[in-house]
């Protein structure tokens, strides 16, 4: 008859003791960890951090504003037409100039106005924020090389809330300078009515400002975003968590000269060689002389050419 050796009999006991010791050590480590993160609540947050929780965005940032936008699916496009947004380039700020010329004068440098129309931009230089490249605008057969982009496209707005707006609200939206930007024409055509989930500027250095402008517009008018759009915007803003919303200047465009008179500083019958007071500043020296520094994206006189590091602030 065989006998179990004392050594063999003690193996299960040693195994159970080892498990107990491991559990005790684990509990001690958890207690120490809980103390280091501020109690059991902090430990719970730490353990749950990998399960979809996100850090709250700083107040006043585009990321914080994005989190306040409703997230819904798009409504049907049924009933949409350009006419639903009123007269194209209507002079909603009552300065006597149409919105297209207001935006061209705001976004370009070396602006020259038509000798026959103190509002009409005859030529200028655009540093396109989407590429970025320099485009020399000349009114005429090649005018479409520079187009005015609705950052939040009219069709997208129609499907994310605009169907419930009044006709006046839709016309204001379509002509709001906050939602308008002079850009490369062919690229604007390629964008179509895409939102941030389907189209972003090729110039990655401008994407934070681009998305922030879209968020500001949707916040102003109470439009919503789709989940895919929200996620695309969030991905962009993860690269610039301190990106602020642009200022809304209320849509005041340049004031034209009196009818029949030459623009200030230009001889009678000759085109003006400079924009009015809200046209982009040609240099930081000019902006400082006007007491307008620092310039922020969206400010009257803003010129993206002066923003060398692409952070939305120039001449600081």
C-alpha atoms as a PDB file:
ATOM      1  CA  UNK A   1       0.000   0.000   0.000  1.00  0.00           C
ATOM      2  CA  UNK A   2       1.497   3.301  -1.087  1.00  0.00           C
ATOM      3  CA  UNK A   3       1.629   6.317   1.169  1.00  0.00           C
ATOM      4  CA  UNK A   4       1.243   9.964   0.161  1.00  0.00           C
ATOM      5  CA  UNK A   5       4.378  11.852   0.950  1.00  0.00           C
ATOM      6  CA  UNK A   6       4.124  14.872   3.260  1.00  0.00           C
ATOM      7  CA  UNK A   7       5.543  17.006   0.452  1.00  0.00           C
ATOM      8  CA  UNK A   8       2.797  15.924  -1.950  1.00  0.00           C
ATOM      9  CA  UNK A   9       0.055  16.548   0.610  1.00  0.00           C
ATOM     10  CA  UNK A  10       1.157  20.144   1.204  1.00  0.00           C
ATOM     11  CA  UNK A  11       1.086  21.225  -2.492  1.00  0.00           C
ATOM     12  CA  UNK A  12      -2.663  22.140  -2.610  1.00  0.00           C
ATOM     13  CA  UNK A  13      -2.269  24.059   0.617  1.00  0.00           C
ATOM     14  CA  UNK A  14       0.632  26.058  -0.745  1.00  0.00           C
ATOM     15  CA  UNK A  15      -1.375  26.792  -3.914  1.00  0.00           C
ATOM     16  CA  UNK A  16      -4.314  28.170  -1.906  1.00  0.00           C
ATOM     17  CA  UNK A  17      -1.988  30.273   0.225  1.00  0.00           C
ATOM     18  CA  UNK A  18      -0.416  31.704  -2.926  1.00  0.00           C
ATOM     19  CA  UNK A  19      -3.834  32.740  -4.278  1.00  0.00           C
ATOM     20  CA  UNK A  20      -4.754  34.427  -0.994  1.00  0.00           C
ATOM     21  CA  UNK A  21      -1.468  36.337  -0.930  1.00  0.00           C
ATOM     22  CA  UNK A  22      -1.970  37.487  -4.532  1.00  0.00           C
ATOM     23  CA  UNK A  23      -5.506  38.721  -3.758  1.00  0.00           C
ATOM     24  CA  UNK A  24      -4.291  40.622  -0.687  1.00  0.00           C
ATOM     25  CA  UNK A  25      -1.490  42.252  -2.671  1.00  0.00           C
ATOM     26  CA  UNK A  26      -3.946  43.251  -5.412  1.00  0.00           C
ATOM     27  CA  UNK A  27      -6.341  44.790  -2.873  1.00  0.00           C
ATOM     28  CA  UNK A  28      -3.515  46.773  -1.281  1.00  0.00           C
ATOM     29  CA  UNK A  29      -2.456  48.084  -4.695  1.00  0.00           C
ATOM     30  CA  UNK A  30      -6.044  49.095  -5.517  1.00  0.00           C
ATOM     31  CA  UNK A  31      -6.366  50.978  -2.214  1.00  0.00           C
ATOM     32  CA  UNK A  32      -3.115  52.841  -2.863  1.00  0.00           C
ATOM     33  CA  UNK A  33      -4.228  53.645  -6.417  1.00  0.00           C
ATOM     34  CA  UNK A  34      -7.612  54.886  -5.224  1.00  0.00           C
ATOM     35  CA  UNK A  35      -5.927  57.263  -2.783  1.00  0.00           C
ATOM     36  CA  UNK A  36      -3.646  58.622  -5.505  1.00  0.00           C
ATOM     37  CA  UNK A  37      -6.554  59.460  -7.857  1.00  0.00           C
ATOM     38  CA  UNK A  38      -8.822  60.984  -5.245  1.00  0.00           C
ATOM     39  CA  UNK A  39     -10.885  58.158  -3.809  1.00  0.00           C
ATOM     40  CA  UNK A  40     -13.090  55.462  -5.260  1.00  0.00           C
ATOM     41  CA  UNK A  41     -14.873  57.928  -7.550  1.00  0.00           C
ATOM     42  CA  UNK A  42     -11.587  58.908  -9.129  1.00  0.00           C
ATOM     43  CA  UNK A  43     -10.634  55.257  -9.417  1.00  0.00           C
ATOM     44  CA  UNK A  44     -13.920  54.541 -11.174  1.00  0.00           C
ATOM     45  CA  UNK A  45     -13.260  57.347 -13.640  1.00  0.00           C
ATOM     46  CA  UNK A  46      -9.757  56.047 -14.234  1.00  0.00           C
ATOM     47  CA  UNK A  47     -10.950  52.486 -14.817  1.00  0.00           C
ATOM     48  CA  UNK A  48     -13.715  53.739 -17.113  1.00  0.00           C
ATOM     49  CA  UNK A  49     -11.475  56.022 -19.139  1.00  0.00           C
ATOM     50  CA  UNK A  50     -11.033  53.417 -21.818  1.00  0.00           C
ATOM     51  CA  UNK A  51     -14.778  52.924 -22.234  1.00  0.00           C
ATOM     52  CA  UNK A  52     -15.666  56.030 -24.255  1.00  0.00           C
ATOM     53  CA  UNK A  53     -15.419  58.765 -21.611  1.00  0.00           C
ATOM     54  CA  UNK A  54     -13.782  62.011 -22.783  1.00  0.00           C
ATOM     55  CA  UNK A  55     -12.182  64.925 -21.017  1.00  0.00           C
ATOM     56  CA  UNK A  56     -14.371  68.014 -20.948  1.00  0.00           C
ATOM     57  CA  UNK A  57     -13.287  70.635 -23.471  1.00  0.00           C
ATOM     58  CA  UNK A  58     -12.133  74.024 -22.106  1.00  0.00           C
ATOM     59  CA  UNK A  59     -14.885  76.645 -21.924  1.00  0.00           C
ATOM     60  CA  UNK A  60     -15.025  79.067 -24.835  1.00  0.00           C
ATOM     61  CA  UNK A  61     -13.360  76.725 -27.298  1.00  0.00           C
ATOM     62  CA  UNK A  62     -14.747  75.358 -30.531  1.00  0.00           C
ATOM     63  CA  UNK A  63     -14.603  71.867 -29.033  1.00  0.00           C
ATOM     64  CA  UNK A  64     -16.841  72.950 -26.142  1.00  0.00           C
ATOM     65  CA  UNK A  65     -19.311  74.544 -28.563  1.00  0.00           C
ATOM     66  CA  UNK A  66     -19.321  71.372 -30.659  1.00  0.00           C
ATOM     67  CA  UNK A  67     -20.406  69.316 -27.653  1.00  0.00           C
ATOM     68  CA  UNK A  68     -23.437  71.602 -27.243  1.00  0.00           C
ATOM     69  CA  UNK A  69     -24.661  71.089 -30.806  1.00  0.00           C
ATOM     70  CA  UNK A  70     -27.508  68.589 -31.204  1.00  0.00           C
ATOM     71  CA  UNK A  71     -26.564  65.385 -33.019  1.00  0.00           C
ATOM     72  CA  UNK A  72     -29.208  64.014 -35.394  1.00  0.00           C
ATOM     73  CA  UNK A  73     -29.550  62.387 -38.761  1.00  0.00           C
ATOM     74  CA  UNK A  74     -30.086  64.565 -41.812  1.00  0.00           C
ATOM     75  CA  UNK A  75     -33.623  65.482 -42.777  1.00  0.00           C
ATOM     76  CA  UNK A  76     -34.736  64.691 -46.344  1.00  0.00           C
ATOM     77  CA  UNK A  77     -33.536  67.084 -49.028  1.00  0.00           C
ATOM     78  CA  UNK A  78     -37.078  67.260 -50.378  1.00  0.00           C
ATOM     79  CA  UNK A  79     -38.114  70.805 -51.262  1.00  0.00           C
ATOM     80  CA  UNK A  80     -34.603  72.255 -51.357  1.00  0.00           C
ATOM     81  CA  UNK A  81     -33.695  74.882 -53.930  1.00  0.00           C
ATOM     82  CA  UNK A  82     -31.358  77.871 -53.958  1.00  0.00           C
ATOM     83  CA  UNK A  83     -34.426  80.111 -54.067  1.00  0.00           C
ATOM     84  CA  UNK A  84     -35.393  78.909 -50.577  1.00  0.00           C
ATOM     85  CA  UNK A  85     -32.522  81.083 -49.306  1.00  0.00           C
ATOM     86  CA  UNK A  86     -33.644  84.304 -50.936  1.00  0.00           C
ATOM     87  CA  UNK A  87     -31.934  86.570 -53.433  1.00  0.00           C
ATOM     88  CA  UNK A  88     -28.339  85.581 -54.111  1.00  0.00           C
ATOM     89  CA  UNK A  89     -25.833  88.018 -52.585  1.00  0.00           C
ATOM     90  CA  UNK A  90     -28.599  90.277 -51.300  1.00  0.00           C
ATOM     91  CA  UNK A  91     -27.384  93.419 -49.523  1.00  0.00           C
ATOM     92  CA  UNK A  92     -28.585  92.306 -46.092  1.00  0.00           C
ATOM     93  CA  UNK A  93     -26.368  94.791 -44.221  1.00  0.00           C
ATOM     94  CA  UNK A  94     -27.798  97.711 -46.243  1.00  0.00           C
ATOM     95  CA  UNK A  95     -24.401  99.201 -47.067  1.00  0.00           C
ATOM     96  CA  UNK A  96     -25.295  99.519 -50.739  1.00  0.00           C
ATOM     97  CA  UNK A  97     -22.960  96.718 -51.878  1.00  0.00           C
ATOM     98  CA  UNK A  98     -23.882  93.122 -52.619  1.00  0.00           C
ATOM     99  CA  UNK A  99     -22.558  90.421 -50.329  1.00  0.00           C
ATOM    100  CA  UNK A 100     -20.195  88.916 -52.908  1.00  0.00           C
ATOM    101  CA  UNK A 101     -18.302  92.185 -53.320  1.00  0.00           C
ATOM    102  CA  UNK A 102     -18.280  92.714 -49.557  1.00  0.00           C
ATOM    103  CA  UNK A 103     -16.560  89.352 -49.053  1.00  0.00           C
ATOM    104  CA  UNK A 104     -14.119  89.836 -51.928  1.00  0.00           C
ATOM    105  CA  UNK A 105     -13.096  93.205 -50.473  1.00  0.00           C
ATOM    106  CA  UNK A 106     -12.744  91.695 -47.002  1.00  0.00           C
ATOM    107  CA  UNK A 107     -10.703  88.632 -47.967  1.00  0.00           C
ATOM    108  CA  UNK A 108      -8.386  89.972 -50.673  1.00  0.00           C
ATOM    109  CA  UNK A 109      -5.481  92.388 -50.666  1.00  0.00           C
ATOM    110  CA  UNK A 110      -4.467  94.972 -53.273  1.00  0.00           C
ATOM    111  CA  UNK A 111      -8.159  95.510 -53.945  1.00  0.00           C
ATOM    112  CA  UNK A 112      -9.125  97.768 -56.841  1.00  0.00           C
ATOM    113  CA  UNK A 113     -12.726  98.885 -57.253  1.00  0.00           C
ATOM    114  CA  UNK A 114     -14.463  99.513 -60.550  1.00  0.00           C
ATOM    115  CA  UNK A 115     -14.373 103.099 -61.787  1.00  0.00           C
ATOM    116  CA  UNK A 116     -18.107 102.888 -62.540  1.00  0.00           C
ATOM    117  CA  UNK A 117     -19.223 101.194 -59.322  1.00  0.00           C
ATOM    118  CA  UNK A 118     -17.564 102.002 -55.970  1.00  0.00           C
ATOM    119  CA  UNK A 119     -18.837  98.685 -54.593  1.00  0.00           C
ATOM    120  CA  UNK A 120     -17.680  96.368 -57.363  1.00  0.00           C
ATOM    121  CA  UNK A 121     -14.311  94.707 -56.846  1.00  0.00           C
ATOM    122  CA  UNK A 122     -12.461  94.839 -60.159  1.00  0.00           C
ATOM    123  CA  UNK A 123      -9.308  93.023 -59.085  1.00  0.00           C
ATOM    124  CA  UNK A 124      -7.325  91.867 -56.099  1.00  0.00           C
ATOM    125  CA  UNK A 125      -5.045  89.194 -54.708  1.00  0.00           C
ATOM    126  CA  UNK A 126      -6.380  86.255 -52.717  1.00  0.00           C
ATOM    127  CA  UNK A 127      -4.222  84.040 -50.537  1.00  0.00           C
ATOM    128  CA  UNK A 128      -6.532  81.045 -50.724  1.00  0.00           C
ATOM    129  CA  UNK A 129      -6.951  79.512 -47.256  1.00  0.00           C
ATOM    130  CA  UNK A 130      -7.879  76.107 -48.686  1.00  0.00           C
ATOM    131  CA  UNK A 131      -4.698  75.380 -50.661  1.00  0.00           C
ATOM    132  CA  UNK A 132      -2.961  77.861 -49.801  1.00  0.00           C
ATOM    133  CA  UNK A 133      -1.912  79.546 -53.002  1.00  0.00           C
ATOM    134  CA  UNK A 134      -1.979  83.080 -54.333  1.00  0.00           C
ATOM    135  CA  UNK A 135      -4.705  83.808 -56.870  1.00  0.00           C
ATOM    136  CA  UNK A 136      -4.837  87.054 -58.813  1.00  0.00           C
ATOM    137  CA  UNK A 137      -8.500  87.881 -59.248  1.00  0.00           C
ATOM    138  CA  UNK A 138      -9.611  89.850 -62.294  1.00  0.00           C
ATOM    139  CA  UNK A 139     -13.295  90.477 -62.922  1.00  0.00           C
ATOM    140  CA  UNK A 140     -14.327  89.158 -66.307  1.00  0.00           C
ATOM    141  CA  UNK A 141     -14.268  85.795 -68.087  1.00  0.00           C
ATOM    142  CA  UNK A 142     -12.067  84.268 -65.354  1.00  0.00           C
ATOM    143  CA  UNK A 143     -13.952  85.645 -62.348  1.00  0.00           C
ATOM    144  CA  UNK A 144     -14.915  82.119 -61.301  1.00  0.00           C
ATOM    145  CA  UNK A 145     -11.303  81.386 -60.361  1.00  0.00           C
ATOM    146  CA  UNK A 146     -12.285  82.973 -57.046  1.00  0.00           C
ATOM    147  CA  UNK A 147     -15.636  81.917 -55.607  1.00  0.00           C
ATOM    148  CA  UNK A 148     -17.454  82.615 -52.353  1.00  0.00           C
ATOM    149  CA  UNK A 149     -17.871  79.453 -50.328  1.00  0.00           C
ATOM    150  CA  UNK A 150     -20.710  78.878 -47.889  1.00  0.00           C
ATOM    151  CA  UNK A 151     -18.723  77.057 -45.204  1.00  0.00           C
ATOM    152  CA  UNK A 152     -21.962  75.404 -44.119  1.00  0.00           C
ATOM    153  CA  UNK A 153     -23.494  74.672 -47.505  1.00  0.00           C
ATOM    154  CA  UNK A 154     -27.066  75.780 -48.128  1.00  0.00           C
ATOM    155  CA  UNK A 155     -28.151  72.235 -48.926  1.00  0.00           C
ATOM    156  CA  UNK A 156     -26.532  70.945 -45.742  1.00  0.00           C
ATOM    157  CA  UNK A 157     -28.286  73.664 -43.740  1.00  0.00           C
ATOM    158  CA  UNK A 158     -31.602  72.710 -45.352  1.00  0.00           C
ATOM    159  CA  UNK A 159     -31.153  69.157 -44.081  1.00  0.00           C
ATOM    160  CA  UNK A 160     -29.998  70.167 -40.595  1.00  0.00           C
ATOM    161  CA  UNK A 161     -32.602  72.680 -39.495  1.00  0.00           C
ATOM    162  CA  UNK A 162     -33.154  75.372 -42.134  1.00  0.00           C
ATOM    163  CA  UNK A 163     -36.444  73.878 -43.295  1.00  0.00           C
ATOM    164  CA  UNK A 164     -37.942  75.213 -40.059  1.00  0.00           C
ATOM    165  CA  UNK A 165     -36.446  78.703 -40.383  1.00  0.00           C
ATOM    166  CA  UNK A 166     -38.320  81.704 -41.708  1.00  0.00           C
ATOM    167  CA  UNK A 167     -37.565  83.006 -45.206  1.00  0.00           C
ATOM    168  CA  UNK A 168     -35.787  86.020 -43.687  1.00  0.00           C
ATOM    169  CA  UNK A 169     -33.612  83.787 -41.507  1.00  0.00           C
ATOM    170  CA  UNK A 170     -32.591  81.679 -44.496  1.00  0.00           C
ATOM    171  CA  UNK A 171     -31.705  84.776 -46.531  1.00  0.00           C
ATOM    172  CA  UNK A 172     -29.654  86.142 -43.633  1.00  0.00           C
ATOM    173  CA  UNK A 173     -27.869  82.796 -43.335  1.00  0.00           C
ATOM    174  CA  UNK A 174     -27.029  82.709 -47.045  1.00  0.00           C
ATOM    175  CA  UNK A 175     -25.475  86.184 -46.850  1.00  0.00           C
ATOM    176  CA  UNK A 176     -23.874  86.052 -43.403  1.00  0.00           C
ATOM    177  CA  UNK A 177     -20.137  86.902 -43.643  1.00  0.00           C
ATOM    178  CA  UNK A 178     -19.473  84.491 -40.785  1.00  0.00           C
ATOM    179  CA  UNK A 179     -20.440  81.681 -43.168  1.00  0.00           C
ATOM    180  CA  UNK A 180     -18.711  83.095 -46.258  1.00  0.00           C
ATOM    181  CA  UNK A 181     -15.130  82.898 -47.458  1.00  0.00           C
ATOM    182  CA  UNK A 182     -13.434  83.819 -50.739  1.00  0.00           C
ATOM    183  CA  UNK A 183     -11.616  80.695 -51.941  1.00  0.00           C
ATOM    184  CA  UNK A 184     -10.213  78.840 -54.932  1.00  0.00           C
ATOM    185  CA  UNK A 185     -13.119  78.417 -57.364  1.00  0.00           C
ATOM    186  CA  UNK A 186     -12.500  74.898 -58.702  1.00  0.00           C
ATOM    187  CA  UNK A 187     -11.898  73.580 -55.185  1.00  0.00           C
ATOM    188  CA  UNK A 188     -15.140  75.146 -53.976  1.00  0.00           C
ATOM    189  CA  UNK A 189     -16.980  73.449 -56.826  1.00  0.00           C
ATOM    190  CA  UNK A 190     -15.408  70.127 -55.868  1.00  0.00           C
ATOM    191  CA  UNK A 191     -16.559  70.563 -52.263  1.00  0.00           C
ATOM    192  CA  UNK A 192     -20.181  70.903 -53.352  1.00  0.00           C
ATOM    193  CA  UNK A 193     -22.521  70.590 -50.373  1.00  0.00           C
ATOM    194  CA  UNK A 194     -20.185  68.376 -48.360  1.00  0.00           C
ATOM    195  CA  UNK A 195     -19.951  68.682 -44.590  1.00  0.00           C
ATOM    196  CA  UNK A 196     -16.861  68.038 -42.452  1.00  0.00           C
ATOM    197  CA  UNK A 197     -17.438  64.285 -42.648  1.00  0.00           C
ATOM    198  CA  UNK A 198     -17.035  64.282 -46.431  1.00  0.00           C
ATOM    199  CA  UNK A 199     -14.805  67.286 -47.181  1.00  0.00           C
ATOM    200  CA  UNK A 200     -12.031  69.230 -45.453  1.00  0.00           C
ATOM    201  CA  UNK A 201      -9.599  71.778 -46.933  1.00  0.00           C
ATOM    202  CA  UNK A 202      -6.430  70.232 -48.389  1.00  0.00           C
ATOM    203  CA  UNK A 203      -4.501  72.833 -46.368  1.00  0.00           C
ATOM    204  CA  UNK A 204      -4.293  71.015 -43.025  1.00  0.00           C
ATOM    205  CA  UNK A 205      -3.071  74.198 -41.348  1.00  0.00           C
ATOM    206  CA  UNK A 206      -6.481  75.788 -41.928  1.00  0.00           C
ATOM    207  CA  UNK A 207      -8.686  72.889 -40.876  1.00  0.00           C
ATOM    208  CA  UNK A 208      -9.041  73.976 -37.250  1.00  0.00           C
ATOM    209  CA  UNK A 209     -10.247  77.447 -38.272  1.00  0.00           C
ATOM    210  CA  UNK A 210     -12.498  75.953 -40.950  1.00  0.00           C
ATOM    211  CA  UNK A 211     -14.232  73.586 -38.537  1.00  0.00           C
ATOM    212  CA  UNK A 212     -14.482  76.306 -35.873  1.00  0.00           C
ATOM    213  CA  UNK A 213     -16.264  78.577 -38.365  1.00  0.00           C
ATOM    214  CA  UNK A 214     -18.727  75.815 -39.225  1.00  0.00           C
ATOM    215  CA  UNK A 215     -19.439  75.214 -35.537  1.00  0.00           C
ATOM    216  CA  UNK A 216     -19.915  78.950 -34.949  1.00  0.00           C
ATOM    217  CA  UNK A 217     -22.388  79.159 -37.834  1.00  0.00           C
ATOM    218  CA  UNK A 218     -24.392  76.126 -36.728  1.00  0.00           C
ATOM    219  CA  UNK A 219     -24.438  77.436 -33.168  1.00  0.00           C
ATOM    220  CA  UNK A 220     -25.632  80.877 -34.290  1.00  0.00           C
ATOM    221  CA  UNK A 221     -28.521  79.514 -36.345  1.00  0.00           C
ATOM    222  CA  UNK A 222     -29.448  76.490 -34.240  1.00  0.00           C
ATOM    223  CA  UNK A 223     -28.558  73.885 -36.866  1.00  0.00           C
ATOM    224  CA  UNK A 224     -27.502  70.396 -35.875  1.00  0.00           C
ATOM    225  CA  UNK A 225     -24.698  68.038 -36.911  1.00  0.00           C
ATOM    226  CA  UNK A 226     -24.774  64.392 -37.899  1.00  0.00           C
ATOM    227  CA  UNK A 227     -22.814  61.866 -35.862  1.00  0.00           C
ATOM    228  CA  UNK A 228     -20.272  61.439 -38.656  1.00  0.00           C
ATOM    229  CA  UNK A 229     -19.905  65.215 -38.972  1.00  0.00           C
ATOM    230  CA  UNK A 230     -19.505  65.598 -35.205  1.00  0.00           C
ATOM    231  CA  UNK A 231     -16.823  62.917 -35.115  1.00  0.00           C
ATOM    232  CA  UNK A 232     -14.912  64.439 -38.042  1.00  0.00           C
ATOM    233  CA  UNK A 233     -14.972  67.874 -36.395  1.00  0.00           C
ATOM    234  CA  UNK A 234     -13.863  66.374 -33.090  1.00  0.00           C
ATOM    235  CA  UNK A 235     -10.942  64.613 -34.774  1.00  0.00           C
ATOM    236  CA  UNK A 236      -9.769  67.920 -36.257  1.00  0.00           C
ATOM    237  CA  UNK A 237     -10.137  69.801 -32.966  1.00  0.00           C
ATOM    238  CA  UNK A 238      -8.174  67.120 -31.126  1.00  0.00           C
ATOM    239  CA  UNK A 239      -5.145  68.594 -32.908  1.00  0.00           C
ATOM    240  CA  UNK A 240      -5.935  72.124 -31.649  1.00  0.00           C
ATOM    241  CA  UNK A 241      -7.865  71.846 -28.346  1.00  0.00           C
ATOM    242  CA  UNK A 242      -7.519  75.581 -27.630  1.00  0.00           C
ATOM    243  CA  UNK A 243      -9.033  76.684 -30.959  1.00  0.00           C
ATOM    244  CA  UNK A 244     -11.531  79.470 -30.245  1.00  0.00           C
ATOM    245  CA  UNK A 245     -14.699  80.277 -32.125  1.00  0.00           C
ATOM    246  CA  UNK A 246     -14.275  83.171 -34.571  1.00  0.00           C
ATOM    247  CA  UNK A 247     -15.719  86.543 -33.742  1.00  0.00           C
ATOM    248  CA  UNK A 248     -18.986  87.458 -35.420  1.00  0.00           C
ATOM    249  CA  UNK A 249     -18.703  91.041 -36.671  1.00  0.00           C
ATOM    250  CA  UNK A 250     -22.414  91.284 -37.455  1.00  0.00           C
ATOM    251  CA  UNK A 251     -21.900  91.253 -41.188  1.00  0.00           C
ATOM    252  CA  UNK A 252     -20.938  94.888 -41.748  1.00  0.00           C
ATOM    253  CA  UNK A 253     -19.305  95.283 -45.139  1.00  0.00           C
ATOM    254  CA  UNK A 254     -17.271  98.173 -46.555  1.00  0.00           C
ATOM    255  CA  UNK A 255     -19.124 101.442 -46.949  1.00  0.00           C
ATOM    256  CA  UNK A 256     -19.272 102.674 -50.560  1.00  0.00           C
ATOM    257  CA  UNK A 257     -18.436 106.183 -51.682  1.00  0.00           C
ATOM    258  CA  UNK A 258     -21.408 108.465 -52.435  1.00  0.00           C
ATOM    259  CA  UNK A 259     -23.064 107.785 -55.766  1.00  0.00           C
ATOM    260  CA  UNK A 260     -21.164 109.406 -58.619  1.00  0.00           C
ATOM    261  CA  UNK A 261     -18.110 110.170 -56.487  1.00  0.00           C
ATOM    262  CA  UNK A 262     -14.722 108.537 -56.753  1.00  0.00           C
ATOM    263  CA  UNK A 263     -13.614 106.421 -53.773  1.00  0.00           C
ATOM    264  CA  UNK A 264     -11.576 108.287 -51.209  1.00  0.00           C
ATOM    265  CA  UNK A 265      -7.964 108.832 -52.276  1.00  0.00           C
ATOM    266  CA  UNK A 266      -8.568 108.110 -55.977  1.00  0.00           C
ATOM    267  CA  UNK A 267      -8.748 110.725 -58.732  1.00  0.00           C
ATOM    268  CA  UNK A 268     -12.143 111.198 -60.344  1.00  0.00           C
ATOM    269  CA  UNK A 269     -12.734 108.663 -63.102  1.00  0.00           C
ATOM    270  CA  UNK A 270      -9.950 106.330 -61.898  1.00  0.00           C
ATOM    271  CA  UNK A 271     -10.297 103.059 -59.977  1.00  0.00           C
ATOM    272  CA  UNK A 272      -9.428 103.046 -56.331  1.00  0.00           C
ATOM    273  CA  UNK A 273      -6.182 101.290 -55.459  1.00  0.00           C
ATOM    274  CA  UNK A 274      -7.127 100.456 -51.883  1.00  0.00           C
ATOM    275  CA  UNK A 275     -10.014  98.897 -50.072  1.00  0.00           C
ATOM    276  CA  UNK A 276     -12.196 100.710 -47.592  1.00  0.00           C
ATOM    277  CA  UNK A 277     -11.706 100.613 -43.842  1.00  0.00           C
ATOM    278  CA  UNK A 278     -12.946  97.027 -43.463  1.00  0.00           C
ATOM    279  CA  UNK A 279     -10.851  95.644 -46.314  1.00  0.00           C
ATOM    280  CA  UNK A 280      -7.928  93.382 -45.308  1.00  0.00           C
ATOM    281  CA  UNK A 281      -4.900  95.186 -43.930  1.00  0.00           C
ATOM    282  CA  UNK A 282      -1.941  94.894 -46.271  1.00  0.00           C
ATOM    283  CA  UNK A 283       0.557  94.746 -43.405  1.00  0.00           C
ATOM    284  CA  UNK A 284       0.798  94.579 -39.631  1.00  0.00           C
ATOM    285  CA  UNK A 285       2.098  98.142 -39.682  1.00  0.00           C
ATOM    286  CA  UNK A 286      -1.147  99.286 -41.285  1.00  0.00           C
ATOM    287  CA  UNK A 287      -3.204  97.321 -38.766  1.00  0.00           C
ATOM    288  CA  UNK A 288      -1.226  98.766 -35.839  1.00  0.00           C
ATOM    289  CA  UNK A 289      -1.587 102.292 -37.207  1.00  0.00           C
ATOM    290  CA  UNK A 290      -5.358 101.759 -37.237  1.00  0.00           C
ATOM    291  CA  UNK A 291      -5.331 100.465 -33.660  1.00  0.00           C
ATOM    292  CA  UNK A 292      -6.689  97.106 -34.795  1.00  0.00           C
ATOM    293  CA  UNK A 293      -4.027  94.756 -33.438  1.00  0.00           C
ATOM    294  CA  UNK A 294      -3.974  91.979 -32.592  1.00  0.00           C
ATOM    295  CA  UNK A 295      -6.137  90.781 -35.470  1.00  0.00           C
ATOM    296  CA  UNK A 296      -8.287  87.672 -35.027  1.00  0.00           C
ATOM    297  CA  UNK A 297      -9.771  85.543 -37.783  1.00  0.00           C
ATOM    298  CA  UNK A 298     -13.127  87.082 -38.687  1.00  0.00           C
ATOM    299  CA  UNK A 299     -12.210  90.595 -37.501  1.00  0.00           C
ATOM    300  CA  UNK A 300     -12.825  93.497 -39.899  1.00  0.00           C
ATOM    301  CA  UNK A 301      -9.571  93.905 -41.803  1.00  0.00           C
ATOM    302  CA  UNK A 302      -8.481  90.290 -41.230  1.00  0.00           C
ATOM    303  CA  UNK A 303      -5.858  89.118 -43.719  1.00  0.00           C
ATOM    304  CA  UNK A 304      -4.823  85.429 -43.606  1.00  0.00           C
ATOM    305  CA  UNK A 305      -1.496  86.359 -45.213  1.00  0.00           C
ATOM    306  CA  UNK A 306      -0.488  88.078 -41.948  1.00  0.00           C
ATOM    307  CA  UNK A 307      -1.238  84.948 -39.904  1.00  0.00           C
ATOM    308  CA  UNK A 308       2.102  83.253 -40.455  1.00  0.00           C
ATOM    309  CA  UNK A 309       1.620  80.373 -38.015  1.00  0.00           C
ATOM    310  CA  UNK A 310      -2.024  79.677 -38.887  1.00  0.00           C
ATOM    311  CA  UNK A 311      -3.374  80.055 -35.336  1.00  0.00           C
ATOM    312  CA  UNK A 312      -6.080  82.577 -36.201  1.00  0.00           C
ATOM    313  CA  UNK A 313      -4.231  85.540 -34.641  1.00  0.00           C
ATOM    314  CA  UNK A 314      -2.098  88.001 -36.602  1.00  0.00           C
ATOM    315  CA  UNK A 315       0.092  90.957 -35.673  1.00  0.00           C
ATOM    316  CA  UNK A 316       0.087  90.046 -31.967  1.00  0.00           C
END
